[in-house]
Amino acid sequence: MTIEIYTTPTCPFCHAAKDLLRAKLVSFEEIVVTDPDKRAAMSARVDGRTSVPQIFINGTHVGGCDDLFMLEESGKLNALLAINTGA
């Protein structure tokens, strides 16, 4: 499983998304987009969006922080992360 999260250092939503992923005990690749070229590459990958975070799980764009938390609240995040809840 691969998780990529595009962030900036001062973004509170980025920190919240990373904290949720850490709480799930999953590793992720953080791509800091303070460099204009990296932000442009992220934007091209997410249909022109420029906001952070932008999160990919196994190559599928799941959205930003709010989207990640909605997946968690709906019970769908564990399945995407292939976490066995024992249920």
N, C-alpha and C. Protein backbone atom coordinates (compact mmCIF):
# COMPACT_ATOMS: atom_id res chain seq x y z
N MET A 1 0.84 -1.17 0.00
CA MET A 1 0.00 0.00 0.00
C MET A 1 0.89 1.23 0.00
N THR A 2 0.52 2.19 -0.80
CA THR A 2 1.25 3.46 -0.82
C THR A 2 0.28 4.59 -0.53
N ILE A 3 0.74 5.50 0.30
CA ILE A 3 -0.03 6.70 0.62
C ILE A 3 0.88 7.89 0.35
N GLU A 4 0.37 8.82 -0.42
CA GLU A 4 1.10 10.05 -0.71
C GLU A 4 0.25 11.21 -0.22
N ILE A 5 0.89 12.16 0.45
CA ILE A 5 0.16 13.34 0.91
C ILE A 5 0.99 14.57 0.58
N TYR A 6 0.39 15.45 -0.20
CA TYR A 6 1.01 16.71 -0.57
C TYR A 6 0.68 17.73 0.52
N THR A 7 1.70 18.40 1.04
CA THR A 7 1.50 19.29 2.19
C THR A 7 2.33 20.56 2.07
N THR A 8 2.06 21.48 3.00
CA THR A 8 2.96 22.59 3.29
C THR A 8 3.19 22.57 4.80
N PRO A 9 4.33 23.10 5.26
CA PRO A 9 4.67 23.00 6.68
C PRO A 9 3.71 23.69 7.64
N THR A 10 3.07 24.77 7.22
CA THR A 10 2.24 25.55 8.14
C THR A 10 0.75 25.27 8.05
N CYS A 11 0.36 24.32 7.22
CA CYS A 11 -1.06 24.05 6.99
C CYS A 11 -1.66 23.19 8.12
N PRO A 12 -2.63 23.74 8.87
CA PRO A 12 -3.23 22.95 9.95
C PRO A 12 -4.01 21.73 9.45
N PHE A 13 -4.57 21.83 8.25
CA PHE A 13 -5.30 20.70 7.69
C PHE A 13 -4.35 19.57 7.31
N CYS A 14 -3.16 19.94 6.85
CA CYS A 14 -2.14 18.94 6.55
C CYS A 14 -1.73 18.20 7.82
N HIS A 15 -1.54 18.95 8.89
CA HIS A 15 -1.16 18.33 10.17
C HIS A 15 -2.26 17.40 10.67
N ALA A 16 -3.51 17.82 10.54
CA ALA A 16 -4.63 16.97 10.99
C ALA A 16 -4.71 15.68 10.18
N ALA A 17 -4.53 15.78 8.86
CA ALA A 17 -4.58 14.60 8.01
C ALA A 17 -3.43 13.64 8.35
N LYS A 18 -2.23 14.18 8.54
CA LYS A 18 -1.09 13.34 8.89
C LYS A 18 -1.29 12.70 10.26
N ASP A 19 -1.86 13.45 11.19
CA ASP A 19 -2.13 12.89 12.53
C ASP A 19 -3.10 11.72 12.44
N LEU A 20 -4.13 11.83 11.61
CA LEU A 20 -5.09 10.73 11.45
C LEU A 20 -4.39 9.51 10.85
N LEU A 21 -3.57 9.72 9.85
CA LEU A 21 -2.86 8.60 9.24
C LEU A 21 -1.89 7.95 10.23
N ARG A 22 -1.22 8.78 11.01
CA ARG A 22 -0.32 8.22 12.05
C ARG A 22 -1.11 7.42 13.08
N ALA A 23 -2.29 7.91 13.46
CA ALA A 23 -3.14 7.20 14.43
C ALA A 23 -3.56 5.84 13.88
N LYS A 24 -3.64 5.73 12.55
CA LYS A 24 -3.99 4.46 11.90
C LYS A 24 -2.77 3.55 11.76
N LEU A 25 -1.61 4.07 12.20
CA LEU A 25 -0.34 3.31 12.15
C LEU A 25 0.05 2.91 10.74
N VAL A 26 -0.20 3.82 9.79
CA VAL A 26 0.21 3.58 8.41
C VAL A 26 1.30 4.57 8.04
N SER A 27 2.20 4.14 7.20
CA SER A 27 3.26 5.05 6.75
C SER A 27 2.79 5.76 5.48
N PHE A 28 3.37 6.91 5.26
CA PHE A 28 3.00 7.69 4.08
C PHE A 28 4.21 8.48 3.61
N GLU A 29 4.15 8.83 2.33
CA GLU A 29 5.18 9.69 1.76
C GLU A 29 4.62 11.10 1.76
N GLU A 30 5.33 11.99 2.42
CA GLU A 30 4.93 13.40 2.45
C GLU A 30 5.71 14.15 1.38
N ILE A 31 4.97 14.86 0.54
CA ILE A 31 5.58 15.66 -0.52
C ILE A 31 5.27 17.12 -0.21
N VAL A 32 6.28 17.84 0.25
CA VAL A 32 6.11 19.24 0.62
C VAL A 32 6.16 20.08 -0.64
N VAL A 33 5.13 20.89 -0.84
CA VAL A 33 4.98 21.63 -2.10
C VAL A 33 5.24 23.13 -1.95
N THR A 34 6.23 23.47 -1.14
CA THR A 34 6.61 24.88 -1.04
C THR A 34 7.37 25.31 -2.29
N ASP A 35 7.94 24.36 -3.00
CA ASP A 35 8.62 24.62 -4.28
C ASP A 35 7.55 24.74 -5.37
N PRO A 36 7.59 25.81 -6.17
CA PRO A 36 6.56 26.00 -7.21
C PRO A 36 6.46 24.84 -8.19
N ASP A 37 7.56 24.20 -8.52
CA ASP A 37 7.52 23.07 -9.45
C ASP A 37 6.77 21.88 -8.85
N LYS A 38 7.00 21.63 -7.56
CA LYS A 38 6.29 20.52 -6.91
C LYS A 38 4.80 20.82 -6.79
N ARG A 39 4.46 22.08 -6.50
CA ARG A 39 3.04 22.44 -6.42
C ARG A 39 2.38 22.32 -7.78
N ALA A 40 3.09 22.71 -8.83
CA ALA A 40 2.55 22.59 -10.19
C ALA A 40 2.34 21.12 -10.55
N ALA A 41 3.27 20.25 -10.15
CA ALA A 41 3.12 18.82 -10.42
C ALA A 41 1.92 18.26 -9.67
N MET A 42 1.73 18.69 -8.41
CA MET A 42 0.56 18.26 -7.64
C MET A 42 -0.71 18.74 -8.31
N SER A 43 -0.74 20.00 -8.69
CA SER A 43 -1.92 20.60 -9.31
C SER A 43 -2.30 19.87 -10.59
N ALA A 44 -1.30 19.50 -11.37
CA ALA A 44 -1.58 18.76 -12.62
C ALA A 44 -2.17 17.39 -12.31
N ARG A 45 -1.77 16.82 -11.20
CA ARG A 45 -2.25 15.49 -10.83
C ARG A 45 -3.67 15.52 -10.27
N VAL A 46 -4.11 16.66 -9.77
CA VAL A 46 -5.43 16.76 -9.12
C VAL A 46 -6.35 17.75 -9.83
N ASP A 47 -6.33 17.71 -11.14
CA ASP A 47 -7.23 18.52 -11.96
C ASP A 47 -7.20 20.01 -11.63
N GLY A 48 -6.00 20.54 -11.41
CA GLY A 48 -5.85 21.97 -11.23
C GLY A 48 -6.01 22.48 -9.81
N ARG A 49 -6.33 21.63 -8.88
CA ARG A 49 -6.45 22.09 -7.49
C ARG A 49 -5.08 22.55 -6.98
N THR A 50 -5.11 23.57 -6.14
CA THR A 50 -3.85 24.07 -5.58
C THR A 50 -3.84 23.99 -4.06
N SER A 51 -4.95 23.60 -3.45
CA SER A 51 -5.02 23.54 -1.99
C SER A 51 -4.34 22.27 -1.47
N VAL A 52 -3.88 22.35 -0.25
CA VAL A 52 -3.28 21.20 0.42
C VAL A 52 -4.05 20.93 1.70
N PRO A 53 -4.04 19.70 2.17
CA PRO A 53 -3.36 18.55 1.59
C PRO A 53 -4.14 17.96 0.43
N GLN A 54 -3.43 17.21 -0.39
CA GLN A 54 -4.04 16.36 -1.42
C GLN A 54 -3.50 14.97 -1.13
N ILE A 55 -4.40 14.00 -1.02
CA ILE A 55 -4.04 12.68 -0.52
C ILE A 55 -4.37 11.61 -1.56
N PHE A 56 -3.42 10.70 -1.75
CA PHE A 56 -3.58 9.56 -2.65
C PHE A 56 -3.35 8.28 -1.87
N ILE A 57 -4.23 7.32 -2.05
CA ILE A 57 -4.06 5.99 -1.47
C ILE A 57 -4.02 5.00 -2.62
N ASN A 58 -2.91 4.29 -2.72
CA ASN A 58 -2.69 3.35 -3.83
C ASN A 58 -2.94 3.98 -5.19
N GLY A 59 -2.49 5.23 -5.34
CA GLY A 59 -2.61 5.93 -6.61
C GLY A 59 -3.95 6.58 -6.87
N THR A 60 -4.93 6.34 -5.99
CA THR A 60 -6.27 6.93 -6.16
C THR A 60 -6.37 8.20 -5.32
N HIS A 61 -6.78 9.28 -5.96
CA HIS A 61 -6.94 10.55 -5.25
C HIS A 61 -8.18 10.47 -4.36
N VAL A 62 -7.98 10.63 -3.06
CA VAL A 62 -9.12 10.60 -2.14
C VAL A 62 -9.55 11.99 -1.72
N GLY A 63 -8.77 13.01 -2.09
CA GLY A 63 -9.15 14.38 -1.77
C GLY A 63 -8.25 15.00 -0.72
N GLY A 64 -8.85 15.90 0.06
CA GLY A 64 -8.11 16.62 1.08
C GLY A 64 -8.43 16.13 2.47
N CYS A 65 -8.15 16.98 3.44
CA CYS A 65 -8.34 16.62 4.84
C CYS A 65 -9.79 16.29 5.16
N ASP A 66 -10.72 17.14 4.74
CA ASP A 66 -12.14 16.89 5.02
C ASP A 66 -12.58 15.56 4.41
N ASP A 67 -12.11 15.27 3.22
CA ASP A 67 -12.46 14.02 2.55
C ASP A 67 -11.92 12.82 3.32
N LEU A 68 -10.68 12.94 3.82
CA LEU A 68 -10.07 11.86 4.59
C LEU A 68 -10.89 11.61 5.86
N PHE A 69 -11.29 12.68 6.56
CA PHE A 69 -12.06 12.52 7.78
C PHE A 69 -13.47 11.99 7.50
N MET A 70 -14.05 12.36 6.35
CA MET A 70 -15.36 11.79 5.99
C MET A 70 -15.25 10.29 5.75
N LEU A 71 -14.15 9.86 5.12
CA LEU A 71 -13.93 8.42 4.93
C LEU A 71 -13.82 7.72 6.28
N GLU A 72 -13.14 8.36 7.22
CA GLU A 72 -13.00 7.78 8.56
C GLU A 72 -14.36 7.69 9.25
N GLU A 73 -15.13 8.77 9.21
CA GLU A 73 -16.43 8.81 9.87
C GLU A 73 -17.42 7.81 9.26
N SER A 74 -17.29 7.56 7.96
CA SER A 74 -18.20 6.63 7.30
C SER A 74 -17.75 5.17 7.44
N GLY A 75 -16.58 4.97 8.04
CA GLY A 75 -16.06 3.62 8.21
C GLY A 75 -15.37 3.05 6.98
N LYS A 76 -15.11 3.88 5.98
CA LYS A 76 -14.52 3.40 4.73
C LYS A 76 -13.00 3.52 4.68
N LEU A 77 -12.43 4.31 5.60
CA LEU A 77 -10.99 4.53 5.53
C LEU A 77 -10.19 3.27 5.83
N ASN A 78 -10.62 2.51 6.83
CA ASN A 78 -9.89 1.28 7.16
C ASN A 78 -9.80 0.34 5.97
N ALA A 79 -10.86 0.22 5.22
CA ALA A 79 -10.84 -0.66 4.05
C ALA A 79 -9.86 -0.15 3.01
N LEU A 80 -9.83 1.16 2.78
CA LEU A 80 -8.88 1.72 1.82
C LEU A 80 -7.45 1.50 2.28
N LEU A 81 -7.25 1.55 3.58
CA LEU A 81 -5.91 1.38 4.14
C LEU A 81 -5.59 -0.10 4.39
N ALA A 82 -6.56 -0.98 4.08
CA ALA A 82 -6.41 -2.42 4.29
C ALA A 82 -6.09 -2.74 5.75
N ILE A 83 -6.82 -2.05 6.64
CA ILE A 83 -6.67 -2.30 8.07
C ILE A 83 -7.76 -3.25 8.51
N ASN A 84 -7.37 -4.35 9.11
CA ASN A 84 -8.34 -5.32 9.62
C ASN A 84 -8.79 -4.87 11.00
N THR A 85 -10.07 -4.55 11.13
CA THR A 85 -10.60 -4.10 12.41
C THR A 85 -11.10 -5.25 13.26
N GLY A 86 -11.06 -6.45 12.74
CA GLY A 86 -11.52 -7.60 13.49
C GLY A 86 -13.03 -7.73 13.52
N ALA A 87 -13.71 -6.88 12.80
CA ALA A 87 -15.19 -6.92 12.79
C ALA A 87 -15.69 -7.90 11.75
